[in-house]
Amino acid sequence: MNRVRVMAIALAIGSTAGGPALDLFPATQILMENGSPYYVPDTATVVSGTPIRWDNPTPTHHTVTHNDCAKEDHPCLFDSGTVAPGGHFTVPGLSKGRYPYHCGIHPIMRGQLVVTDDLSTPSQL
């Protein structure tokens, strides 16, 4: 009986702690596309700490690479590596600032994250 009760409590905690119903900042979704603007939206505004997820519904491999990754004197804050068709890449959250990024395979693909501390700023999907 105690074992069943412990399992029920563990399941209840697991279903609420960090589960979708209690996520204060659900991931902002950005789609990778094969046509312009390539990243949809091409500029996304998010609250600092909000996860950002790029989904690749195309039949082509892409990357999500912070522009500073190519500069020796700047930190590379995110680089997905190759994201396969049907795959995704998530950044758990960034601090306030502007973060331009591109696809390392297709340099014409460019996007930007605008991260703010203003909680009233809605994510742009």
PDB file of N, CA and C in Angstrom:
ATOM      1  N   MET A   1       0.825  -1.191   0.000  1.00  0.00           N
ATOM      2  CA  MET A   1       0.000   0.000   0.000  1.00  0.00           C
ATOM      3  C   MET A   1       0.870   1.255   0.000  1.00  0.00           C
ATOM      4  N   ASN A   2       1.883   1.312   0.856  1.00  0.00           N
ATOM      5  CA  ASN A   2       2.757   2.472   0.900  1.00  0.00           C
ATOM      6  C   ASN A   2       3.484   2.669  -0.420  1.00  0.00           C
ATOM      7  N   ARG A   3       3.904   1.564  -1.033  1.00  0.00           N
ATOM      8  CA  ARG A   3       4.607   1.650  -2.309  1.00  0.00           C
ATOM      9  C   ARG A   3       3.708   2.253  -3.380  1.00  0.00           C
ATOM     10  N   VAL A   4       2.454   1.866  -3.394  1.00  0.00           N
ATOM     11  CA  VAL A   4       1.502   2.416  -4.364  1.00  0.00           C
ATOM     12  C   VAL A   4       1.288   3.899  -4.108  1.00  0.00           C
ATOM     13  N   ARG A   5       1.166   4.286  -2.847  1.00  0.00           N
ATOM     14  CA  ARG A   5       0.962   5.691  -2.494  1.00  0.00           C
ATOM     15  C   ARG A   5       2.184   6.526  -2.911  1.00  0.00           C
ATOM     16  N   VAL A   6       3.396   6.020  -2.665  1.00  0.00           N
ATOM     17  CA  VAL A   6       4.612   6.729  -3.058  1.00  0.00           C
ATOM     18  C   VAL A   6       4.657   6.888  -4.573  1.00  0.00           C
ATOM     19  N   MET A   7       4.312   5.851  -5.320  1.00  0.00           N
ATOM     20  CA  MET A   7       4.292   5.933  -6.780  1.00  0.00           C
ATOM     21  C   MET A   7       3.268   6.963  -7.250  1.00  0.00           C
ATOM     22  N   ALA A   8       2.110   7.007  -6.626  1.00  0.00           N
ATOM     23  CA  ALA A   8       1.080   7.978  -7.006  1.00  0.00           C
ATOM     24  C   ALA A   8       1.545   9.400  -6.745  1.00  0.00           C
ATOM     25  N   ILE A   9       2.211   9.606  -5.618  1.00  0.00           N
ATOM     26  CA  ILE A   9       2.733  10.936  -5.305  1.00  0.00           C
ATOM     27  C   ILE A   9       3.824  11.312  -6.298  1.00  0.00           C
ATOM     28  N   ALA A  10       4.706  10.388  -6.604  1.00  0.00           N
ATOM     29  CA  ALA A  10       5.782  10.662  -7.562  1.00  0.00           C
ATOM     30  C   ALA A  10       5.214  10.989  -8.935  1.00  0.00           C
ATOM     31  N   LEU A  11       4.205  10.257  -9.355  1.00  0.00           N
ATOM     32  CA  LEU A  11       3.576  10.544 -10.644  1.00  0.00           C
ATOM     33  C   LEU A  11       2.893  11.904 -10.628  1.00  0.00           C
ATOM     34  N   ALA A  12       2.229  12.233  -9.533  1.00  0.00           N
ATOM     35  CA  ALA A  12       1.555  13.528  -9.430  1.00  0.00           C
ATOM     36  C   ALA A  12       2.561  14.668  -9.473  1.00  0.00           C
ATOM     37  N   ILE A  13       3.677  14.518  -8.755  1.00  0.00           N
ATOM     38  CA  ILE A  13       4.702  15.558  -8.768  1.00  0.00           C
ATOM     39  C   ILE A  13       5.320  15.657 -10.146  1.00  0.00           C
ATOM     40  N   GLY A  14       5.632  14.528 -10.757  1.00  0.00           N
ATOM     41  CA  GLY A  14       6.237  14.532 -12.082  1.00  0.00           C
ATOM     42  C   GLY A  14       5.333  15.130 -13.139  1.00  0.00           C
ATOM     43  N   SER A  15       4.033  14.996 -12.974  1.00  0.00           N
ATOM     44  CA  SER A  15       3.122  15.534 -13.977  1.00  0.00           C
ATOM     45  C   SER A  15       2.891  17.030 -13.816  1.00  0.00           C
ATOM     46  N   THR A  16       3.279  17.593 -12.656  1.00  0.00           N
ATOM     47  CA  THR A  16       3.091  19.026 -12.481  1.00  0.00           C
ATOM     48  C   THR A  16       4.409  19.786 -12.473  1.00  0.00           C
ATOM     49  N   ALA A  17       5.446  19.220 -11.892  1.00  0.00           N
ATOM     50  CA  ALA A  17       6.731  19.922 -11.808  1.00  0.00           C
ATOM     51  C   ALA A  17       7.391  19.950 -13.176  1.00  0.00           C
ATOM     52  N   GLY A  18       7.398  21.106 -13.799  1.00  0.00           N
ATOM     53  CA  GLY A  18       8.039  21.257 -15.095  1.00  0.00           C
ATOM     54  C   GLY A  18       7.216  20.733 -16.247  1.00  0.00           C
ATOM     55  N   GLY A  19       6.026  20.229 -15.970  1.00  0.00           N
ATOM     56  CA  GLY A  19       5.166  19.730 -17.038  1.00  0.00           C
ATOM     57  C   GLY A  19       4.569  20.891 -17.814  1.00  0.00           C
ATOM     58  N   PRO A  20       3.963  20.603 -18.948  1.00  0.00           N
ATOM     59  CA  PRO A  20       3.437  21.671 -19.792  1.00  0.00           C
ATOM     60  C   PRO A  20       2.435  22.580 -19.106  1.00  0.00           C
ATOM     61  N   ALA A  21       1.676  22.070 -18.147  1.00  0.00           N
ATOM     62  CA  ALA A  21       0.656  22.888 -17.511  1.00  0.00           C
ATOM     63  C   ALA A  21       1.263  23.993 -16.658  1.00  0.00           C
ATOM     64  N   LEU A  22       2.494  23.792 -16.153  1.00  0.00           N
ATOM     65  CA  LEU A  22       3.078  24.771 -15.258  1.00  0.00           C
ATOM     66  C   LEU A  22       4.248  25.535 -15.871  1.00  0.00           C
ATOM     67  N   ASP A  23       4.572  25.314 -17.141  1.00  0.00           N
ATOM     68  CA  ASP A  23       5.669  26.049 -17.752  1.00  0.00           C
ATOM     69  C   ASP A  23       5.311  27.522 -17.799  1.00  0.00           C
ATOM     70  N   LEU A  24       6.074  28.349 -17.063  1.00  0.00           N
ATOM     71  CA  LEU A  24       5.813  29.779 -17.059  1.00  0.00           C
ATOM     72  C   LEU A  24       6.208  30.410 -18.382  1.00  0.00           C
ATOM     73  N   PHE A  25       7.260  29.898 -18.999  1.00  0.00           N
ATOM     74  CA  PHE A  25       7.731  30.418 -20.273  1.00  0.00           C
ATOM     75  C   PHE A  25       7.881  29.268 -21.256  1.00  0.00           C
ATOM     76  N   PRO A  26       6.810  28.922 -21.973  1.00  0.00           N
ATOM     77  CA  PRO A  26       6.948  27.860 -22.957  1.00  0.00           C
ATOM     78  C   PRO A  26       7.915  28.304 -24.056  1.00  0.00           C
ATOM     79  N   ALA A  27       8.515  27.353 -24.714  1.00  0.00           N
ATOM     80  CA  ALA A  27       9.504  27.660 -25.753  1.00  0.00           C
ATOM     81  C   ALA A  27       8.876  28.478 -26.875  1.00  0.00           C
ATOM     82  N   THR A  28       9.624  29.470 -27.333  1.00  0.00           N
ATOM     83  CA  THR A  28       9.253  30.210 -28.529  1.00  0.00           C
ATOM     84  C   THR A  28       9.674  29.358 -29.709  1.00  0.00           C
ATOM     85  N   GLN A  29       8.785  29.151 -30.659  1.00  0.00           N
ATOM     86  CA  GLN A  29       9.083  28.292 -31.801  1.00  0.00           C
ATOM     87  C   GLN A  29       9.440  29.123 -33.019  1.00  0.00           C
ATOM     88  N   ILE A  30      10.507  28.725 -33.686  1.00  0.00           N
ATOM     89  CA  ILE A  30      10.924  29.331 -34.942  1.00  0.00           C
ATOM     90  C   ILE A  30      11.044  28.193 -35.950  1.00  0.00           C
ATOM     91  N   LEU A  31      10.480  28.387 -37.118  1.00  0.00           N
ATOM     92  CA  LEU A  31      10.540  27.371 -38.162  1.00  0.00           C
ATOM     93  C   LEU A  31      11.653  27.681 -39.147  1.00  0.00           C
ATOM     94  N   MET A  32      12.343  26.651 -39.591  1.00  0.00           N
ATOM     95  CA  MET A  32      13.328  26.772 -40.668  1.00  0.00           C
ATOM     96  C   MET A  32      12.592  26.462 -41.964  1.00  0.00           C
ATOM     97  N   GLU A  33      12.723  27.341 -42.934  1.00  0.00           N
ATOM     98  CA  GLU A  33      12.039  27.158 -44.210  1.00  0.00           C
ATOM     99  C   GLU A  33      13.050  27.185 -45.348  1.00  0.00           C
ATOM    100  N   ASN A  34      12.677  26.635 -46.497  1.00  0.00           N
ATOM    101  CA  ASN A  34      13.566  26.644 -47.663  1.00  0.00           C
ATOM    102  C   ASN A  34      13.422  27.917 -48.489  1.00  0.00           C
ATOM    103  N   GLY A  35      12.433  28.753 -48.194  1.00  0.00           N
ATOM    104  CA  GLY A  35      12.225  30.010 -48.923  1.00  0.00           C
ATOM    105  C   GLY A  35      12.221  31.184 -47.970  1.00  0.00           C
ATOM    106  N   SER A  36      12.336  32.368 -48.523  1.00  0.00           N
ATOM    107  CA  SER A  36      12.380  33.591 -47.736  1.00  0.00           C
ATOM    108  C   SER A  36      11.114  33.712 -46.889  1.00  0.00           C
ATOM    109  N   PRO A  37      11.208  34.076 -45.631  1.00  0.00           N
ATOM    110  CA  PRO A  37      12.351  34.629 -44.902  1.00  0.00           C
ATOM    111  C   PRO A  37      13.266  33.570 -44.278  1.00  0.00           C
ATOM    112  N   TYR A  38      13.119  32.309 -44.577  1.00  0.00           N
ATOM    113  CA  TYR A  38      13.988  31.204 -44.152  1.00  0.00           C
ATOM    114  C   TYR A  38      13.824  30.809 -42.691  1.00  0.00           C
ATOM    115  N   TYR A  39      13.885  31.758 -41.778  1.00  0.00           N
ATOM    116  CA  TYR A  39      13.529  31.487 -40.379  1.00  0.00           C
ATOM    117  C   TYR A  39      12.243  32.259 -40.125  1.00  0.00           C
ATOM    118  N   VAL A  40      11.217  31.569 -39.632  1.00  0.00           N
ATOM    119  CA  VAL A  40       9.916  32.202 -39.444  1.00  0.00           C
ATOM    120  C   VAL A  40       9.537  32.127 -37.973  1.00  0.00           C
ATOM    121  N   PRO A  41       9.482  33.279 -37.278  1.00  0.00           N
ATOM    122  CA  PRO A  41       9.730  34.626 -37.787  1.00  0.00           C
ATOM    123  C   PRO A  41      11.229  34.870 -37.932  1.00  0.00           C
ATOM    124  N   ASP A  42      11.592  35.811 -38.798  1.00  0.00           N
ATOM    125  CA  ASP A  42      13.013  36.099 -38.985  1.00  0.00           C
ATOM    126  C   ASP A  42      13.576  36.906 -37.812  1.00  0.00           C
ATOM    127  N   THR A  43      12.718  37.622 -37.094  1.00  0.00           N
ATOM    128  CA  THR A  43      13.096  38.275 -35.840  1.00  0.00           C
ATOM    129  C   THR A  43      12.074  37.866 -34.791  1.00  0.00           C
ATOM    130  N   ALA A  44      12.559  37.255 -33.716  1.00  0.00           N
ATOM    131  CA  ALA A  44      11.677  36.826 -32.631  1.00  0.00           C
ATOM    132  C   ALA A  44      12.066  37.569 -31.361  1.00  0.00           C
ATOM    133  N   THR A  45      11.078  38.087 -30.659  1.00  0.00           N
ATOM    134  CA  THR A  45      11.300  38.772 -29.389  1.00  0.00           C
ATOM    135  C   THR A  45      10.834  37.859 -28.267  1.00  0.00           C
ATOM    136  N   VAL A  46      11.733  37.610 -27.309  1.00  0.00           N
ATOM    137  CA  VAL A  46      11.428  36.710 -26.200  1.00  0.00           C
ATOM    138  C   VAL A  46      11.881  37.345 -24.886  1.00  0.00           C
ATOM    139  N   VAL A  47      11.332  36.868 -23.799  1.00  0.00           N
ATOM    140  CA  VAL A  47      11.737  37.303 -22.463  1.00  0.00           C
ATOM    141  C   VAL A  47      12.969  36.501 -22.060  1.00  0.00           C
ATOM    142  N   SER A  48      13.922  37.152 -21.409  1.00  0.00           N
ATOM    143  CA  SER A  48      15.157  36.467 -21.009  1.00  0.00           C
ATOM    144  C   SER A  48      14.822  35.205 -20.215  1.00  0.00           C
ATOM    145  N   GLY A  49      15.569  34.169 -20.496  1.00  0.00           N
ATOM    146  CA  GLY A  49      15.355  32.885 -19.842  1.00  0.00           C
ATOM    147  C   GLY A  49      14.356  31.987 -20.538  1.00  0.00           C
ATOM    148  N   THR A  50      13.614  32.510 -21.524  1.00  0.00           N
ATOM    149  CA  THR A  50      12.632  31.713 -22.247  1.00  0.00           C
ATOM    150  C   THR A  50      13.348  30.779 -23.222  1.00  0.00           C
ATOM    151  N   PRO A  51      13.008  29.504 -23.233  1.00  0.00           N
ATOM    152  CA  PRO A  51      13.608  28.604 -24.214  1.00  0.00           C
ATOM    153  C   PRO A  51      13.187  29.002 -25.636  1.00  0.00           C
ATOM    154  N   ILE A  52      14.098  28.788 -26.581  1.00  0.00           N
ATOM    155  CA  ILE A  52      13.811  29.051 -27.992  1.00  0.00           C
ATOM    156  C   ILE A  52      14.054  27.749 -28.738  1.00  0.00           C
ATOM    157  N   ARG A  53      13.076  27.353 -29.552  1.00  0.00           N
ATOM    158  CA  ARG A  53      13.174  26.084 -30.272  1.00  0.00           C
ATOM    159  C   ARG A  53      13.020  26.334 -31.768  1.00  0.00           C
ATOM    160  N   TRP A  54      13.982  25.853 -32.532  1.00  0.00           N
ATOM    161  CA  TRP A  54      13.917  25.904 -33.982  1.00  0.00           C
ATOM    162  C   TRP A  54      13.531  24.520 -34.474  1.00  0.00           C
ATOM    163  N   ASP A  55      12.508  24.462 -35.327  1.00  0.00           N
ATOM    164  CA  ASP A  55      12.045  23.204 -35.916  1.00  0.00           C
ATOM    165  C   ASP A  55      12.354  23.207 -37.404  1.00  0.00           C
ATOM    166  N   ASN A  56      12.806  22.062 -37.900  1.00  0.00           N
ATOM    167  CA  ASN A  56      13.138  21.932 -39.313  1.00  0.00           C
ATOM    168  C   ASN A  56      12.145  20.994 -40.001  1.00  0.00           C
ATOM    169  N   PRO A  57      11.049  21.542 -40.546  1.00  0.00           N
ATOM    170  CA  PRO A  57      10.080  20.705 -41.251  1.00  0.00           C
ATOM    171  C   PRO A  57      10.457  20.478 -42.717  1.00  0.00           C
ATOM    172  N   THR A  58      11.601  21.000 -43.160  1.00  0.00           N
ATOM    173  CA  THR A  58      11.995  20.907 -44.563  1.00  0.00           C
ATOM    174  C   THR A  58      12.689  19.573 -44.851  1.00  0.00           C
ATOM    175  N   PRO A  59      12.874  19.239 -46.117  1.00  0.00           N
ATOM    176  CA  PRO A  59      13.621  18.023 -46.466  1.00  0.00           C
ATOM    177  C   PRO A  59      15.135  18.266 -46.535  1.00  0.00           C
ATOM    178  N   THR A  60      15.595  19.410 -46.037  1.00  0.00           N
ATOM    179  CA  THR A  60      16.988  19.829 -46.148  1.00  0.00           C
ATOM    180  C   THR A  60      17.623  20.002 -44.767  1.00  0.00           C
ATOM    181  N   HIS A  61      18.912  19.702 -44.654  1.00  0.00           N
ATOM    182  CA  HIS A  61      19.651  19.960 -43.413  1.00  0.00           C
ATOM    183  C   HIS A  61      19.916  21.453 -43.282  1.00  0.00           C
ATOM    184  N   HIS A  62      19.866  21.953 -42.045  1.00  0.00           N
ATOM    185  CA  HIS A  62      20.151  23.358 -41.760  1.00  0.00           C
ATOM    186  C   HIS A  62      20.932  23.432 -40.454  1.00  0.00           C
ATOM    187  N   THR A  63      21.406  24.640 -40.111  1.00  0.00           N
ATOM    188  CA  THR A  63      21.993  24.892 -38.798  1.00  0.00           C
ATOM    189  C   THR A  63      21.388  26.166 -38.225  1.00  0.00           C
ATOM    190  N   VAL A  64      21.585  26.364 -36.941  1.00  0.00           N
ATOM    191  CA  VAL A  64      21.238  27.603 -36.249  1.00  0.00           C
ATOM    192  C   VAL A  64      22.522  28.010 -35.533  1.00  0.00           C
ATOM    193  N   THR A  65      23.227  28.987 -36.100  1.00  0.00           N
ATOM    194  CA  THR A  65      24.560  29.339 -35.624  1.00  0.00           C
ATOM    195  C   THR A  65      24.629  30.819 -35.269  1.00  0.00           C
ATOM    196  N   HIS A  66      24.919  31.100 -34.006  1.00  0.00           N
ATOM    197  CA  HIS A  66      25.091  32.479 -33.534  1.00  0.00           C
ATOM    198  C   HIS A  66      26.206  33.124 -34.362  1.00  0.00           C
ATOM    199  N   ASN A  67      25.992  34.350 -34.839  1.00  0.00           N
ATOM    200  CA  ASN A  67      26.971  35.015 -35.696  1.00  0.00           C
ATOM    201  C   ASN A  67      28.338  35.162 -35.039  1.00  0.00           C
ATOM    202  N   ASP A  68      28.392  35.286 -33.720  1.00  0.00           N
ATOM    203  CA  ASP A  68      29.679  35.451 -33.048  1.00  0.00           C
ATOM    204  C   ASP A  68      30.518  34.182 -33.041  1.00  0.00           C
ATOM    205  N   CYS A  69      29.964  33.062 -33.486  1.00  0.00           N
ATOM    206  CA  CYS A  69      30.743  31.821 -33.514  1.00  0.00           C
ATOM    207  C   CYS A  69      31.906  31.917 -34.497  1.00  0.00           C
ATOM    208  N   ALA A  70      31.811  32.806 -35.463  1.00  0.00           N
ATOM    209  CA  ALA A  70      32.867  32.962 -36.463  1.00  0.00           C
ATOM    210  C   ALA A  70      33.947  33.941 -36.010  1.00  0.00           C
ATOM    211  N   LYS A  71      33.760  34.580 -34.864  1.00  0.00           N
ATOM    212  CA  LYS A  71      34.713  35.583 -34.386  1.00  0.00           C
ATOM    213  C   LYS A  71      35.531  35.027 -33.233  1.00  0.00           C
ATOM    214  N   GLU A  72      36.827  35.133 -33.342  1.00  0.00           N
ATOM    215  CA  GLU A  72      37.701  34.567 -32.310  1.00  0.00           C
ATOM    216  C   GLU A  72      37.601  35.287 -30.971  1.00  0.00           C
ATOM    217  N   ASP A  73      37.294  36.574 -30.977  1.00  0.00           N
ATOM    218  CA  ASP A  73      37.280  37.343 -29.737  1.00  0.00           C
ATOM    219  C   ASP A  73      35.889  37.457 -29.102  1.00  0.00           C
ATOM    220  N   HIS A  74      34.910  36.679 -29.595  1.00  0.00           N
ATOM    221  CA  HIS A  74      33.553  36.699 -29.050  1.00  0.00           C
ATOM    222  C   HIS A  74      33.113  35.277 -28.688  1.00  0.00           C
ATOM    223  N   PRO A  75      32.273  35.150 -27.666  1.00  0.00           N
ATOM    224  CA  PRO A  75      31.790  33.809 -27.319  1.00  0.00           C
ATOM    225  C   PRO A  75      30.726  33.321 -28.305  1.00  0.00           C
ATOM    226  N   CYS A  76      30.793  32.056 -28.615  1.00  0.00           N
ATOM    227  CA  CYS A  76      29.764  31.411 -29.441  1.00  0.00           C
ATOM    228  C   CYS A  76      28.668  30.955 -28.483  1.00  0.00           C
ATOM    229  N   LEU A  77      27.520  31.644 -28.492  1.00  0.00           N
ATOM    230  CA  LEU A  77      26.475  31.366 -27.511  1.00  0.00           C
ATOM    231  C   LEU A  77      25.569  30.205 -27.890  1.00  0.00           C
ATOM    232  N   PHE A  78      25.443  29.911 -29.184  1.00  0.00           N
ATOM    233  CA  PHE A  78      24.691  28.730 -29.592  1.00  0.00           C
ATOM    234  C   PHE A  78      25.071  28.326 -31.006  1.00  0.00           C
ATOM    235  N   ASP A  79      25.143  27.028 -31.217  1.00  0.00           N
ATOM    236  CA  ASP A  79      25.424  26.447 -32.529  1.00  0.00           C
ATOM    237  C   ASP A  79      24.812  25.063 -32.539  1.00  0.00           C
ATOM    238  N   SER A  80      23.814  24.880 -33.354  1.00  0.00           N
ATOM    239  CA  SER A  80      23.058  23.637 -33.362  1.00  0.00           C
ATOM    240  C   SER A  80      23.807  22.467 -33.959  1.00  0.00           C
ATOM    241  N   GLY A  81      24.837  22.740 -34.752  1.00  0.00           N
ATOM    242  CA  GLY A  81      25.345  21.671 -35.594  1.00  0.00           C
ATOM    243  C   GLY A  81      24.275  21.410 -36.644  1.00  0.00           C
ATOM    244  N   THR A  82      24.378  20.329 -37.361  1.00  0.00           N
ATOM    245  CA  THR A  82      23.399  20.029 -38.413  1.00  0.00           C
ATOM    246  C   THR A  82      22.072  19.580 -37.810  1.00  0.00           C
ATOM    247  N   VAL A  83      20.996  20.246 -38.232  1.00  0.00           N
ATOM    248  CA  VAL A  83      19.644  19.856 -37.819  1.00  0.00           C
ATOM    249  C   VAL A  83      19.024  19.128 -39.003  1.00  0.00           C
ATOM    250  N   ALA A  84      18.787  17.849 -38.845  1.00  0.00           N
ATOM    251  CA  ALA A  84      18.251  17.012 -39.920  1.00  0.00           C
ATOM    252  C   ALA A  84      16.795  17.348 -40.203  1.00  0.00           C
ATOM    253  N   PRO A  85      16.306  16.982 -41.384  1.00  0.00           N
ATOM    254  CA  PRO A  85      14.883  17.154 -41.682  1.00  0.00           C
ATOM    255  C   PRO A  85      14.029  16.499 -40.593  1.00  0.00           C
ATOM    256  N   GLY A  86      13.033  17.239 -40.124  1.00  0.00           N
ATOM    257  CA  GLY A  86      12.166  16.756 -39.054  1.00  0.00           C
ATOM    258  C   GLY A  86      12.754  16.944 -37.661  1.00  0.00           C
ATOM    259  N   GLY A  87      13.984  17.459 -37.575  1.00  0.00           N
ATOM    260  CA  GLY A  87      14.641  17.642 -36.288  1.00  0.00           C
ATOM    261  C   GLY A  87      14.385  19.009 -35.697  1.00  0.00           C
ATOM    262  N   HIS A  88      14.955  19.240 -34.544  1.00  0.00           N
ATOM    263  CA  HIS A  88      14.823  20.535 -33.879  1.00  0.00           C
ATOM    264  C   HIS A  88      16.070  20.821 -33.047  1.00  0.00           C
ATOM    265  N   PHE A  89      16.202  22.076 -32.645  1.00  0.00           N
ATOM    266  CA  PHE A  89      17.302  22.541 -31.797  1.00  0.00           C
ATOM    267  C   PHE A  89      16.723  23.529 -30.801  1.00  0.00           C
ATOM    268  N   THR A  90      17.089  23.393 -29.523  1.00  0.00           N
ATOM    269  CA  THR A  90      16.555  24.268 -28.484  1.00  0.00           C
ATOM    270  C   THR A  90      17.684  24.912 -27.690  1.00  0.00           C
ATOM    271  N   VAL A  91      17.547  26.212 -27.465  1.00  0.00           N
ATOM    272  CA  VAL A  91      18.421  26.957 -26.571  1.00  0.00           C
ATOM    273  C   VAL A  91      17.603  27.193 -25.307  1.00  0.00           C
ATOM    274  N   PRO A  92      18.131  26.825 -24.116  1.00  0.00           N
ATOM    275  CA  PRO A  92      17.322  26.928 -22.911  1.00  0.00           C
ATOM    276  C   PRO A  92      16.940  28.348 -22.511  1.00  0.00           C
ATOM    277  N   GLY A  93      17.642  29.334 -22.968  1.00  0.00           N
ATOM    278  CA  GLY A  93      17.320  30.722 -22.640  1.00  0.00           C
ATOM    279  C   GLY A  93      18.567  31.574 -22.734  1.00  0.00           C
ATOM    280  N   LEU A  94      18.384  32.833 -23.008  1.00  0.00           N
ATOM    281  CA  LEU A  94      19.492  33.769 -23.157  1.00  0.00           C
ATOM    282  C   LEU A  94      19.225  35.004 -22.315  1.00  0.00           C
ATOM    283  N   SER A  95      20.286  35.727 -21.990  1.00  0.00           N
ATOM    284  CA  SER A  95      20.126  36.981 -21.268  1.00  0.00           C
ATOM    285  C   SER A  95      19.776  38.098 -22.251  1.00  0.00           C
ATOM    286  N   LYS A  96      19.376  39.234 -21.709  1.00  0.00           N
ATOM    287  CA  LYS A  96      18.944  40.380 -22.499  1.00  0.00           C
ATOM    288  C   LYS A  96      19.993  40.740 -23.553  1.00  0.00           C
ATOM    289  N   GLY A  97      19.515  41.000 -24.773  1.00  0.00           N
ATOM    290  CA  GLY A  97      20.419  41.391 -25.850  1.00  0.00           C
ATOM    291  C   GLY A  97      19.850  41.043 -27.212  1.00  0.00           C
ATOM    292  N   ARG A  98      20.640  41.311 -28.238  1.00  0.00           N
ATOM    293  CA  ARG A  98      20.283  40.959 -29.616  1.00  0.00           C
ATOM    294  C   ARG A  98      21.247  39.882 -30.080  1.00  0.00           C
ATOM    295  N   TYR A  99      20.692  38.854 -30.697  1.00  0.00           N
ATOM    296  CA  TYR A  99      21.482  37.704 -31.101  1.00  0.00           C
ATOM    297  C   TYR A  99      21.209  37.364 -32.571  1.00  0.00           C
ATOM    298  N   PRO A 100      22.019  37.901 -33.479  1.00  0.00           N
ATOM    299  CA  PRO A 100      21.862  37.523 -34.881  1.00  0.00           C
ATOM    300  C   PRO A 100      22.419  36.106 -35.091  1.00  0.00           C
ATOM    301  N   TYR A 101      21.787  35.368 -35.998  1.00  0.00           N
ATOM    302  CA  TYR A 101      22.227  34.005 -36.285  1.00  0.00           C
ATOM    303  C   TYR A 101      22.006  33.694 -37.764  1.00  0.00           C
ATOM    304  N   HIS A 102      22.544  32.580 -38.201  1.00  0.00           N
ATOM    305  CA  HIS A 102      22.459  32.194 -39.605  1.00  0.00           C
ATOM    306  C   HIS A 102      22.544  30.672 -39.733  1.00  0.00           C
ATOM    307  N   CYS A 103      22.335  30.196 -40.946  1.00  0.00           N
ATOM    308  CA  CYS A 103      22.527  28.782 -41.264  1.00  0.00           C
ATOM    309  C   CYS A 103      23.936  28.636 -41.841  1.00  0.00           C
ATOM    310  N   GLY A 104      24.743  27.798 -41.237  1.00  0.00           N
ATOM    311  CA  GLY A 104      26.103  27.580 -41.711  1.00  0.00           C
ATOM    312  C   GLY A 104      26.167  26.872 -43.052  1.00  0.00           C
ATOM    313  N   ILE A 105      25.107  26.203 -43.437  1.00  0.00           N
ATOM    314  CA  ILE A 105      25.054  25.499 -44.720  1.00  0.00           C
ATOM    315  C   ILE A 105      24.543  26.425 -45.814  1.00  0.00           C
ATOM    316  N   HIS A 106      23.585  27.275 -45.465  1.00  0.00           N
ATOM    317  CA  HIS A 106      22.944  28.195 -46.420  1.00  0.00           C
ATOM    318  C   HIS A 106      23.086  29.623 -45.884  1.00  0.00           C
ATOM    319  N   PRO A 107      24.202  30.311 -46.173  1.00  0.00           N
ATOM    320  CA  PRO A 107      24.466  31.633 -45.588  1.00  0.00           C
ATOM    321  C   PRO A 107      23.390  32.686 -45.860  1.00  0.00           C
ATOM    322  N   ILE A 108      22.533  32.460 -46.849  1.00  0.00           N
ATOM    323  CA  ILE A 108      21.449  33.408 -47.119  1.00  0.00           C
ATOM    324  C   ILE A 108      20.397  33.374 -46.004  1.00  0.00           C
ATOM    325  N   MET A 109      20.350  32.288 -45.261  1.00  0.00           N
ATOM    326  CA  MET A 109      19.382  32.144 -44.167  1.00  0.00           C
ATOM    327  C   MET A 109      19.893  32.914 -42.956  1.00  0.00           C
ATOM    328  N   ARG A 110      19.134  33.939 -42.549  1.00  0.00           N
ATOM    329  CA  ARG A 110      19.535  34.772 -41.412  1.00  0.00           C
ATOM    330  C   ARG A 110      18.325  35.063 -40.537  1.00  0.00           C
ATOM    331  N   GLY A 111      18.566  35.163 -39.241  1.00  0.00           N
ATOM    332  CA  GLY A 111      17.510  35.507 -38.295  1.00  0.00           C
ATOM    333  C   GLY A 111      18.100  36.271 -37.132  1.00  0.00           C
ATOM    334  N   GLN A 112      17.222  36.718 -36.245  1.00  0.00           N
ATOM    335  CA  GLN A 112      17.684  37.464 -35.070  1.00  0.00           C
ATOM    336  C   GLN A 112      16.748  37.214 -33.896  1.00  0.00           C
ATOM    337  N   LEU A 113      17.350  37.040 -32.733  1.00  0.00           N
ATOM    338  CA  LEU A 113      16.596  36.981 -31.486  1.00  0.00           C
ATOM    339  C   LEU A 113      16.778  38.303 -30.771  1.00  0.00           C
ATOM    340  N   VAL A 114      15.676  38.852 -30.267  1.00  0.00           N
ATOM    341  CA  VAL A 114      15.713  40.034 -29.421  1.00  0.00           C
ATOM    342  C   VAL A 114      15.226  39.558 -28.062  1.00  0.00           C
ATOM    343  N   VAL A 115      16.117  39.607 -27.078  1.00  0.00           N
ATOM    344  CA  VAL A 115      15.785  39.112 -25.744  1.00  0.00           C
ATOM    345  C   VAL A 115      15.649  40.317 -24.821  1.00  0.00           C
ATOM    346  N   THR A 116      14.540  40.373 -24.114  1.00  0.00           N
ATOM    347  CA  THR A 116      14.213  41.506 -23.255  1.00  0.00           C
ATOM    348  C   THR A 116      13.933  41.013 -21.839  1.00  0.00           C
ATOM    349  N   ASP A 117      14.035  41.911 -20.881  1.00  0.00           N
ATOM    350  CA  ASP A 117      13.647  41.604 -19.502  1.00  0.00           C
ATOM    351  C   ASP A 117      12.216  42.007 -19.214  1.00  0.00           C
ATOM    352  N   ASP A 118      11.535  42.596 -20.188  1.00  0.00           N
ATOM    353  CA  ASP A 118      10.167  43.078 -20.028  1.00  0.00           C
ATOM    354  C   ASP A 118       9.189  41.903 -20.127  1.00  0.00           C
ATOM    355  N   LEU A 119       8.607  41.505 -18.997  1.00  0.00           N
ATOM    356  CA  LEU A 119       7.691  40.371 -18.962  1.00  0.00           C
ATOM    357  C   LEU A 119       6.413  40.595 -19.747  1.00  0.00           C
ATOM    358  N   SER A 120       6.104  41.854 -20.091  1.00  0.00           N
ATOM    359  CA  SER A 120       4.886  42.125 -20.852  1.00  0.00           C
ATOM    360  C   SER A 120       5.112  41.973 -22.356  1.00  0.00           C
ATOM    361  N   THR A 121       6.373  41.721 -22.769  1.00  0.00           N
ATOM    362  CA  THR A 121       6.679  41.551 -24.187  1.00  0.00           C
ATOM    363  C   THR A 121       6.296  40.136 -24.595  1.00  0.00           C
ATOM    364  N   PRO A 122       5.331  39.992 -25.485  1.00  0.00           N
ATOM    365  CA  PRO A 122       4.941  38.659 -25.915  1.00  0.00           C
ATOM    366  C   PRO A 122       5.953  38.088 -26.903  1.00  0.00           C
ATOM    367  N   SER A 123       6.098  36.774 -26.889  1.00  0.00           N
ATOM    368  CA  SER A 123       6.908  36.121 -27.904  1.00  0.00           C
ATOM    369  C   SER A 123       6.218  36.277 -29.253  1.00  0.00           C
ATOM    370  N   GLN A 124       6.982  36.464 -30.268  1.00  0.00           N
ATOM    371  CA  GLN A 124       6.418  36.580 -31.609  1.00  0.00           C
ATOM    372  C   GLN A 124       6.560  35.249 -32.293  1.00  0.00           C
ATOM    373  N   LEU A 125       5.442  34.663 -32.693  1.00  0.00           N
ATOM    374  CA  LEU A 125       5.453  33.364 -33.354  1.00  0.00           C
ATOM    375  C   LEU A 125       5.105  33.502 -34.805  1.00  0.00           C
TER     376      LEU A 125
END
